[in-house]
C-alpha atoms as a PDB file:
ATOM      1  CA  MET A   1     207.272 217.631 189.815  1.00  0.00           C
ATOM      2  CA  SER A   2     208.216 221.087 188.591  1.00  0.00           C
ATOM      3  CA  HIS A   3     207.733 224.015 190.933  1.00  0.00           C
ATOM      4  CA  ILE A   4     207.533 226.456 188.035  1.00  0.00           C
ATOM      5  CA  VAL A   5     204.416 227.371 186.094  1.00  0.00           C
ATOM      6  CA  PRO A   6     204.946 228.000 182.355  1.00  0.00           C
ATOM      7  CA  LEU A   7     205.743 231.706 181.980  1.00  0.00           C
ATOM      8  CA  LYS A   8     203.019 232.249 179.392  1.00  0.00           C
ATOM      9  CA  GLU A   9     200.468 231.051 181.983  1.00  0.00           C
ATOM     10  CA  SER A  10     201.828 232.953 184.992  1.00  0.00           C
ATOM     11  CA  ILE A  11     200.222 236.088 186.345  1.00  0.00           C
ATOM     12  CA  ALA A  12     201.825 238.935 188.278  1.00  0.00           C
ATOM     13  CA  ARG A  13     198.473 239.786 189.835  1.00  0.00           C
ATOM     14  CA  PRO A  14     194.865 239.208 188.794  1.00  0.00           C
ATOM     15  CA  GLY A  15     194.374 240.650 185.323  1.00  0.00           C
ATOM     16  CA  SER A  16     198.110 241.030 184.625  1.00  0.00           C
ATOM     17  CA  LEU A  17     200.249 238.417 182.886  1.00  0.00           C
ATOM     18  CA  LEU A  18     203.686 238.062 184.461  1.00  0.00           C
ATOM     19  CA  ILE A  19     205.598 238.236 181.167  1.00  0.00           C
ATOM     20  CA  GLU A  20     203.849 241.472 180.177  1.00  0.00           C
ATOM     21  CA  HIS A  21     204.546 242.973 183.602  1.00  0.00           C
ATOM     22  CA  LEU A  22     208.243 242.055 183.448  1.00  0.00           C
ATOM     23  CA  VAL A  23     208.696 243.449 179.927  1.00  0.00           C
ATOM     24  CA  ASN A  24     206.858 246.668 180.865  1.00  0.00           C
ATOM     25  CA  VAL A  25     209.107 247.195 183.904  1.00  0.00           C
ATOM     26  CA  LYS A  26     212.224 246.499 181.799  1.00  0.00           C
ATOM     27  CA  GLU A  27     211.163 249.079 179.219  1.00  0.00           C
ATOM     28  CA  ALA A  28     210.253 251.648 181.883  1.00  0.00           C
ATOM     29  CA  MET A  29     213.565 251.252 183.702  1.00  0.00           C
ATOM     30  CA  SER A  30     215.567 251.428 180.472  1.00  0.00           C
ATOM     31  CA  ALA A  31     213.685 254.574 179.443  1.00  0.00           C
ATOM     32  CA  PHE A  32     214.181 256.191 182.851  1.00  0.00           C
ATOM     33  CA  PHE A  33     217.941 255.680 182.623  1.00  0.00           C
ATOM     34  CA  GLN A  34     218.297 256.392 178.891  1.00  0.00           C
ATOM     35  CA  ASP A  35     220.592 259.358 179.542  1.00  0.00           C
ATOM     36  CA  GLU A  36     223.075 257.143 181.369  1.00  0.00           C
ATOM     37  CA  ARG A  37     226.414 257.342 179.580  1.00  0.00           C
ATOM     38  CA  ASP A  38     227.293 253.683 180.118  1.00  0.00           C
ATOM     39  CA  SER A  39     225.183 251.584 177.729  1.00  0.00           C
ATOM     40  CA  VAL A  40     226.166 248.383 179.526  1.00  0.00           C
ATOM     41  CA  ARG A  41     224.769 249.809 182.746  1.00  0.00           C
ATOM     42  CA  VAL A  42     221.500 250.682 180.971  1.00  0.00           C
ATOM     43  CA  GLU A  43     221.268 247.090 179.706  1.00  0.00           C
ATOM     44  CA  LEU A  44     221.891 245.740 183.196  1.00  0.00           C
ATOM     45  CA  ILE A  45     219.258 248.066 184.652  1.00  0.00           C
ATOM     46  CA  GLY A  46     216.798 246.807 182.046  1.00  0.00           C
ATOM     47  CA  LEU A  47     217.662 243.198 182.866  1.00  0.00           C
ATOM     48  CA  ALA A  48     217.131 243.912 186.564  1.00  0.00           C
ATOM     49  CA  GLY A  49     213.651 245.181 185.695  1.00  0.00           C
ATOM     50  CA  LEU A  50     212.992 242.098 183.594  1.00  0.00           C
ATOM     51  CA  CYS A  51     214.001 239.792 186.445  1.00  0.00           C
ATOM     52  CA  HIS A  52     212.662 241.672 189.475  1.00  0.00           C
ATOM     53  CA  ASP A  53     209.488 239.551 189.895  1.00  0.00           C
ATOM     54  CA  ILE A  54     210.573 236.346 188.158  1.00  0.00           C
ATOM     55  CA  ALA A  55     210.092 234.376 191.398  1.00  0.00           C
ATOM     56  CA  LYS A  56     206.353 234.939 190.950  1.00  0.00           C
ATOM     57  CA  ASN A  57     206.641 232.167 188.352  1.00  0.00           C
ATOM     58  CA  HIS A  58     206.888 229.640 191.206  1.00  0.00           C
ATOM     59  CA  ALA A  59     203.888 227.321 191.549  1.00  0.00           C
ATOM     60  CA  ASP A  60     203.305 228.330 195.195  1.00  0.00           C
ATOM     61  CA  TRP A  61     203.020 232.025 194.300  1.00  0.00           C
ATOM     62  CA  GLN A  62     200.767 231.278 191.343  1.00  0.00           C
ATOM     63  CA  GLU A  63     198.449 229.259 193.592  1.00  0.00           C
ATOM     64  CA  TYR A  64     198.473 232.024 196.214  1.00  0.00           C
ATOM     65  CA  ILE A  65     197.739 234.883 193.802  1.00  0.00           C
ATOM     66  CA  ARG A  66     195.010 232.944 192.034  1.00  0.00           C
ATOM     67  CA  THR A  67     193.228 231.977 195.249  1.00  0.00           C
ATOM     68  CA  LYS A  68     193.793 235.177 197.244  1.00  0.00           C
ATOM     69  CA  LYS A  69     190.511 236.629 198.503  1.00  0.00           C
END
């Protein structure tokens, strides 16, 4: 049995899809560091934003966040 929920069905928190949250953080981090001279570093910063909550895709987290009171 897979321990990962399909990304398109995962939520970051109630009312917030995980994929939308990750993309928004990536864009915000890239924009914040847009004046960085090293474009590779900006890409890596954006990727860090994209991946920062990816573990929330795990079935245990999805069950927890959906049933949290």
